[in-house]
Amino acid sequence: MPFPWEATIPFIALMGFLQLSGQVLDVTQRADNLGKAKRMFLDDFEVGMMERDRRLTGHKRGQRDDPNPPAWFATNKVLATVEAKSGRPGQKPSWADIKSQYWDQRYW
C-alpha cells in the first residue's frame, strides 16, 4: 500500500501547532502559579489553605517561611470581609451572604 507523501507536511504542521499550543498553555499556567505546576483535584482543606495563603501573602500560591503571622493578619478574616461587603455593618451576615461571596472568591 503506498504512503500518501503529500499529506505529511500538513500533518507535521498540524501536530507542531498542537504541541505549540500545549506548551503555551503550560507556560501561562505556570506563570500564573509562580512557576509551579497547576494544582489539581483540590479538596476543601486545600482550597481553604489557598485562601489563607492569598490573604497572608497576596497570591494563591505564595507561602511564608516565617512561622509567626504579621500583626495585620489577626483581623484579616473572610467573615469580616463578608460583613463589610454585605452593606449591613454591625449585623451578623447571613449564611447566604457568606456562601455567595466566598464561592465567588473561592473559584477565581
C-alpha atoms as a PDB file:
ATOM      1  CA  MET A   1       0.000   0.000   0.000  1.00  0.00           C
ATOM      2  CA  PRO A   2       1.576   3.343  -0.974  1.00  0.00           C
ATOM      3  CA  PHE A   3       2.172   6.032   1.607  1.00  0.00           C
ATOM      4  CA  PRO A   4       0.466   9.432   0.934  1.00  0.00           C
ATOM      5  CA  TRP A   5       3.571  11.655   0.974  1.00  0.00           C
ATOM      6  CA  GLU A   6       1.619  14.767   0.013  1.00  0.00           C
ATOM      7  CA  ALA A   7      -0.184  14.667   3.392  1.00  0.00           C
ATOM      8  CA  THR A   8       2.958  14.531   5.568  1.00  0.00           C
ATOM      9  CA  ILE A   9       3.750  18.267   5.503  1.00  0.00           C
ATOM     10  CA  PRO A  10       0.239  19.381   6.609  1.00  0.00           C
ATOM     11  CA  PHE A  11       0.174  16.576   9.196  1.00  0.00           C
ATOM     12  CA  ILE A  12       3.537  17.653  10.648  1.00  0.00           C
ATOM     13  CA  ALA A  13       2.401  21.298  10.681  1.00  0.00           C
ATOM     14  CA  LEU A  14      -0.844  20.368  12.438  1.00  0.00           C
ATOM     15  CA  MET A  15       0.943  18.304  15.095  1.00  0.00           C
ATOM     16  CA  GLY A  16       3.510  21.071  15.591  1.00  0.00           C
ATOM     17  CA  PHE A  17       0.838  23.693  16.178  1.00  0.00           C
ATOM     18  CA  LEU A  18      -0.997  21.411  18.629  1.00  0.00           C
ATOM     19  CA  GLN A  19       2.220  20.891  20.569  1.00  0.00           C
ATOM     20  CA  LEU A  20       2.969  24.613  20.499  1.00  0.00           C
ATOM     21  CA  SER A  21      -0.486  25.465  21.872  1.00  0.00           C
ATOM     22  CA  GLY A  22       0.007  22.935  24.697  1.00  0.00           C
ATOM     23  CA  GLN A  23       3.373  24.447  25.584  1.00  0.00           C
ATOM     24  CA  VAL A  24       1.937  27.974  25.580  1.00  0.00           C
ATOM     25  CA  LEU A  25      -0.893  26.828  27.872  1.00  0.00           C
ATOM     26  CA  ASP A  26       1.616  25.218  30.257  1.00  0.00           C
ATOM     27  CA  VAL A  27       3.797  28.334  30.335  1.00  0.00           C
ATOM     28  CA  THR A  28       0.840  30.624  31.060  1.00  0.00           C
ATOM     29  CA  GLN A  29      -0.450  28.366  33.848  1.00  0.00           C
ATOM     30  CA  ARG A  30       2.999  28.198  35.438  1.00  0.00           C
ATOM     31  CA  ALA A  31       3.353  31.975  35.159  1.00  0.00           C
ATOM     32  CA  ASP A  32       0.035  32.363  36.989  1.00  0.00           C
ATOM     33  CA  ASN A  33       1.150  29.933  39.728  1.00  0.00           C
ATOM     34  CA  LEU A  34       4.582  31.456  40.483  1.00  0.00           C
ATOM     35  CA  GLY A  35       6.426  28.866  38.379  1.00  0.00           C
ATOM     36  CA  LYS A  36       4.759  25.856  39.991  1.00  0.00           C
ATOM     37  CA  ALA A  37       2.526  23.303  38.290  1.00  0.00           C
ATOM     38  CA  LYS A  38      -1.233  23.826  38.350  1.00  0.00           C
ATOM     39  CA  ARG A  39      -2.984  22.309  41.348  1.00  0.00           C
ATOM     40  CA  MET A  40      -5.458  19.584  40.517  1.00  0.00           C
ATOM     41  CA  PHE A  41      -8.065  17.584  42.464  1.00  0.00           C
ATOM     42  CA  LEU A  42      -8.378  20.060  45.347  1.00  0.00           C
ATOM     43  CA  ASP A  43     -10.440  19.243  48.397  1.00  0.00           C
ATOM     44  CA  ASP A  44     -11.984  21.778  50.762  1.00  0.00           C
ATOM     45  CA  PHE A  45      -8.965  21.821  53.091  1.00  0.00           C
ATOM     46  CA  GLU A  46      -6.565  22.677  50.259  1.00  0.00           C
ATOM     47  CA  VAL A  47      -8.914  25.373  48.957  1.00  0.00           C
ATOM     48  CA  GLY A  48      -9.068  26.837  52.466  1.00  0.00           C
ATOM     49  CA  MET A  49      -5.267  26.817  52.699  1.00  0.00           C
ATOM     50  CA  MET A  50      -5.061  28.555  49.315  1.00  0.00           C
ATOM     51  CA  GLU A  51      -7.464  31.216  50.585  1.00  0.00           C
ATOM     52  CA  ARG A  52      -5.354  31.628  53.740  1.00  0.00           C
ATOM     53  CA  ASP A  53      -2.183  31.924  51.628  1.00  0.00           C
ATOM     54  CA  ARG A  54      -3.872  34.508  49.400  1.00  0.00           C
ATOM     55  CA  ARG A  55      -4.875  36.597  52.403  1.00  0.00           C
ATOM     56  CA  LEU A  56      -1.461  36.158  54.018  1.00  0.00           C
ATOM     57  CA  THR A  57       0.824  36.774  51.034  1.00  0.00           C
ATOM     58  CA  GLY A  58      -1.386  38.313  48.355  1.00  0.00           C
ATOM     59  CA  HIS A  59      -1.128  35.350  45.967  1.00  0.00           C
ATOM     60  CA  LYS A  60      -2.879  31.984  45.987  1.00  0.00           C
ATOM     61  CA  ARG A  61       0.422  30.097  45.652  1.00  0.00           C
ATOM     62  CA  GLY A  62       2.512  32.334  47.900  1.00  0.00           C
ATOM     63  CA  GLN A  63       3.857  30.898  51.128  1.00  0.00           C
ATOM     64  CA  ARG A  64       5.806  32.374  54.031  1.00  0.00           C
ATOM     65  CA  ASP A  65       8.810  30.887  55.751  1.00  0.00           C
ATOM     66  CA  ASP A  66       8.171  32.881  58.922  1.00  0.00           C
ATOM     67  CA  PRO A  67       6.040  30.776  61.316  1.00  0.00           C
ATOM     68  CA  ASN A  68       4.634  33.877  63.018  1.00  0.00           C
ATOM     69  CA  PRO A  69       1.978  35.751  61.044  1.00  0.00           C
ATOM     70  CA  PRO A  70       2.212  39.527  60.732  1.00  0.00           C
ATOM     71  CA  ALA A  71       0.179  41.674  63.124  1.00  0.00           C
ATOM     72  CA  TRP A  72      -2.354  42.759  60.485  1.00  0.00           C
ATOM     73  CA  PHE A  73      -3.276  39.129  59.737  1.00  0.00           C
ATOM     74  CA  ALA A  74      -5.095  38.816  63.083  1.00  0.00           C
ATOM     75  CA  THR A  75      -8.010  40.906  61.755  1.00  0.00           C
ATOM     76  CA  ASN A  76      -7.888  39.556  58.201  1.00  0.00           C
ATOM     77  CA  LYS A  77     -10.796  37.120  58.238  1.00  0.00           C
ATOM     78  CA  VAL A  78     -13.166  36.080  55.488  1.00  0.00           C
ATOM     79  CA  LEU A  79     -16.138  36.699  57.780  1.00  0.00           C
ATOM     80  CA  ALA A  80     -15.068  40.307  58.388  1.00  0.00           C
ATOM     81  CA  THR A  81     -14.751  40.972  54.667  1.00  0.00           C
ATOM     82  CA  VAL A  82     -18.153  39.431  54.020  1.00  0.00           C
ATOM     83  CA  GLU A  83     -19.667  41.600  56.751  1.00  0.00           C
ATOM     84  CA  ALA A  84     -18.122  44.701  55.213  1.00  0.00           C
ATOM     85  CA  LYS A  85     -19.330  43.766  51.717  1.00  0.00           C
ATOM     86  CA  SER A  86     -22.857  42.874  52.840  1.00  0.00           C
ATOM     87  CA  GLY A  87     -23.731  46.530  53.459  1.00  0.00           C
ATOM     88  CA  ARG A  88     -25.006  45.822  56.943  1.00  0.00           C
ATOM     89  CA  PRO A  89     -22.222  46.869  59.328  1.00  0.00           C
ATOM     90  CA  GLY A  90     -22.686  45.695  62.872  1.00  0.00           C
ATOM     91  CA  GLN A  91     -25.086  42.948  61.845  1.00  0.00           C
ATOM     92  CA  LYS A  92     -24.036  39.360  61.523  1.00  0.00           C
ATOM     93  CA  PRO A  93     -24.125  38.364  57.832  1.00  0.00           C
ATOM     94  CA  SER A  94     -26.465  35.601  56.799  1.00  0.00           C
ATOM     95  CA  TRP A  95     -25.212  32.237  55.623  1.00  0.00           C
ATOM     96  CA  ALA A  96     -26.360  33.112  52.094  1.00  0.00           C
ATOM     97  CA  ASP A  97     -24.121  36.217  52.101  1.00  0.00           C
ATOM     98  CA  ILE A  98     -21.130  34.236  53.305  1.00  0.00           C
ATOM     99  CA  LYS A  99     -21.698  31.382  50.888  1.00  0.00           C
ATOM    100  CA  SER A 100     -22.269  33.552  47.826  1.00  0.00           C
ATOM    101  CA  GLN A 101     -19.296  35.841  48.422  1.00  0.00           C
ATOM    102  CA  TYR A 102     -16.946  33.046  49.488  1.00  0.00           C
ATOM    103  CA  TRP A 103     -17.995  30.976  46.478  1.00  0.00           C
ATOM    104  CA  ASP A 104     -17.094  33.881  44.173  1.00  0.00           C
ATOM    105  CA  GLN A 105     -13.674  34.258  45.829  1.00  0.00           C
ATOM    106  CA  ARG A 106     -13.025  30.534  46.031  1.00  0.00           C
ATOM    107  CA  TYR A 107     -13.029  29.803  42.303  1.00  0.00           C
ATOM    108  CA  TRP A 108     -11.035  32.661  40.810  1.00  0.00           C
END
